Amino acid sequence: MPTHGSMTKAGKVRSSTPKIPPRPKRNLPPRQRNKREYWIRKRKEGGLPVPTVVPPSSVPRKARAAPG
């Protein structure tokens, strides 16, 4: 039974394809967005002010560069 391709050609296309940088994401992941919306909803129910700046816990952190 014939195979779908020779092993000498394995991985040639993927390695020769140019790497394109990903576009930056525009929205928060659903889990973080839901957490933020819950926080805002609870503040409004309690009659507390809702700041226009989001709480730090719901903002994704930037990855720190490795020292050295």
C-alpha atoms as a PDB file:
ATOM      1  CA  MET A   1       0.000   0.000   0.000  1.00  0.00           C
ATOM      2  CA  PRO A   2       1.534   3.370  -0.970  1.00  0.00           C
ATOM      3  CA  THR A   3       2.228   6.059   1.615  1.00  0.00           C
ATOM      4  CA  HIS A   4       1.066   9.669   1.450  1.00  0.00           C
ATOM      5  CA  GLY A   5       4.547  11.042   0.910  1.00  0.00           C
ATOM      6  CA  SER A   6       8.171  10.149   1.218  1.00  0.00           C
ATOM      7  CA  MET A   7       9.955  10.654   4.507  1.00  0.00           C
ATOM      8  CA  THR A   8      12.645  12.682   2.731  1.00  0.00           C
ATOM      9  CA  LYS A   9      10.104  15.464   2.222  1.00  0.00           C
ATOM     10  CA  ALA A  10       8.762  15.488   5.809  1.00  0.00           C
ATOM     11  CA  GLY A  11       8.700  18.941   7.402  1.00  0.00           C
ATOM     12  CA  LYS A  12      10.034  20.819   4.384  1.00  0.00           C
ATOM     13  CA  VAL A  13       7.004  23.051   3.817  1.00  0.00           C
ATOM     14  CA  ARG A  14       6.507  24.145   7.411  1.00  0.00           C
ATOM     15  CA  SER A  15      10.171  24.999   7.915  1.00  0.00           C
ATOM     16  CA  SER A  16      10.318  27.004   4.684  1.00  0.00           C
ATOM     17  CA  THR A  17       7.151  29.018   5.400  1.00  0.00           C
ATOM     18  CA  PRO A  18       7.962  32.559   6.591  1.00  0.00           C
ATOM     19  CA  LYS A  19       7.009  33.344  10.191  1.00  0.00           C
ATOM     20  CA  ILE A  20       4.396  36.114  10.413  1.00  0.00           C
ATOM     21  CA  PRO A  21       4.041  37.904  13.775  1.00  0.00           C
ATOM     22  CA  PRO A  22       0.546  37.574  15.286  1.00  0.00           C
ATOM     23  CA  ARG A  23      -1.768  40.572  15.373  1.00  0.00           C
ATOM     24  CA  PRO A  24      -2.273  42.002  18.867  1.00  0.00           C
ATOM     25  CA  LYS A  25      -5.468  40.863  20.563  1.00  0.00           C
ATOM     26  CA  ARG A  26      -8.124  43.549  20.928  1.00  0.00           C
ATOM     27  CA  ASN A  27     -10.311  42.071  23.671  1.00  0.00           C
ATOM     28  CA  LEU A  28      -9.678  40.414  26.994  1.00  0.00           C
ATOM     29  CA  PRO A  29     -10.089  36.651  27.215  1.00  0.00           C
ATOM     30  CA  PRO A  30     -13.649  35.722  28.297  1.00  0.00           C
ATOM     31  CA  ARG A  31     -12.605  34.670  31.801  1.00  0.00           C
ATOM     32  CA  GLN A  32     -10.961  38.004  32.563  1.00  0.00           C
ATOM     33  CA  ARG A  33     -13.770  39.946  30.897  1.00  0.00           C
ATOM     34  CA  ASN A  34     -16.380  38.115  32.990  1.00  0.00           C
ATOM     35  CA  LYS A  35     -14.375  38.807  36.146  1.00  0.00           C
ATOM     36  CA  ARG A  36     -14.248  42.513  35.323  1.00  0.00           C
ATOM     37  CA  GLU A  37     -17.963  42.681  34.486  1.00  0.00           C
ATOM     38  CA  TYR A  38     -18.841  40.860  37.730  1.00  0.00           C
ATOM     39  CA  TRP A  39     -16.699  43.295  39.718  1.00  0.00           C
ATOM     40  CA  ILE A  40     -18.389  46.308  38.093  1.00  0.00           C
ATOM     41  CA  ARG A  41     -21.860  44.815  38.591  1.00  0.00           C
ATOM     42  CA  LYS A  42     -21.220  44.187  42.308  1.00  0.00           C
ATOM     43  CA  ARG A  43     -19.885  47.723  42.794  1.00  0.00           C
ATOM     44  CA  LYS A  44     -23.011  49.178  41.179  1.00  0.00           C
ATOM     45  CA  GLU A  45     -25.312  46.966  43.299  1.00  0.00           C
ATOM     46  CA  GLY A  46     -23.573  48.127  46.472  1.00  0.00           C
ATOM     47  CA  GLY A  47     -23.896  51.782  45.482  1.00  0.00           C
ATOM     48  CA  LEU A  48     -20.135  52.126  45.283  1.00  0.00           C
ATOM     49  CA  PRO A  49     -18.477  54.237  42.610  1.00  0.00           C
ATOM     50  CA  VAL A  50     -17.205  52.412  39.577  1.00  0.00           C
ATOM     51  CA  PRO A  51     -13.867  53.900  38.539  1.00  0.00           C
ATOM     52  CA  THR A  52     -13.162  54.366  34.870  1.00  0.00           C
ATOM     53  CA  VAL A  53      -9.780  52.724  35.444  1.00  0.00           C
ATOM     54  CA  VAL A  54     -10.106  48.957  35.714  1.00  0.00           C
ATOM     55  CA  PRO A  55      -8.825  47.159  38.811  1.00  0.00           C
ATOM     56  CA  PRO A  56      -5.277  45.853  38.442  1.00  0.00           C
ATOM     57  CA  SER A  57      -6.355  42.280  39.111  1.00  0.00           C
ATOM     58  CA  SER A  58      -8.343  42.137  35.870  1.00  0.00           C
ATOM     59  CA  VAL A  59      -5.648  43.641  33.643  1.00  0.00           C
ATOM     60  CA  PRO A  60      -3.291  41.103  32.087  1.00  0.00           C
ATOM     61  CA  ARG A  61       0.276  41.570  33.279  1.00  0.00           C
ATOM     62  CA  LYS A  62       3.160  42.105  30.919  1.00  0.00           C
ATOM     63  CA  ALA A  63       5.743  39.368  30.951  1.00  0.00           C
ATOM     64  CA  ARG A  64       8.905  40.508  32.632  1.00  0.00           C
ATOM     65  CA  ALA A  65      12.160  40.055  30.775  1.00  0.00           C
ATOM     66  CA  ALA A  66      14.582  37.544  32.207  1.00  0.00           C
ATOM     67  CA  PRO A  67      17.477  39.209  34.080  1.00  0.00           C
ATOM     68  CA  GLY A  68      20.863  39.110  32.498  1.00  0.00           C
END
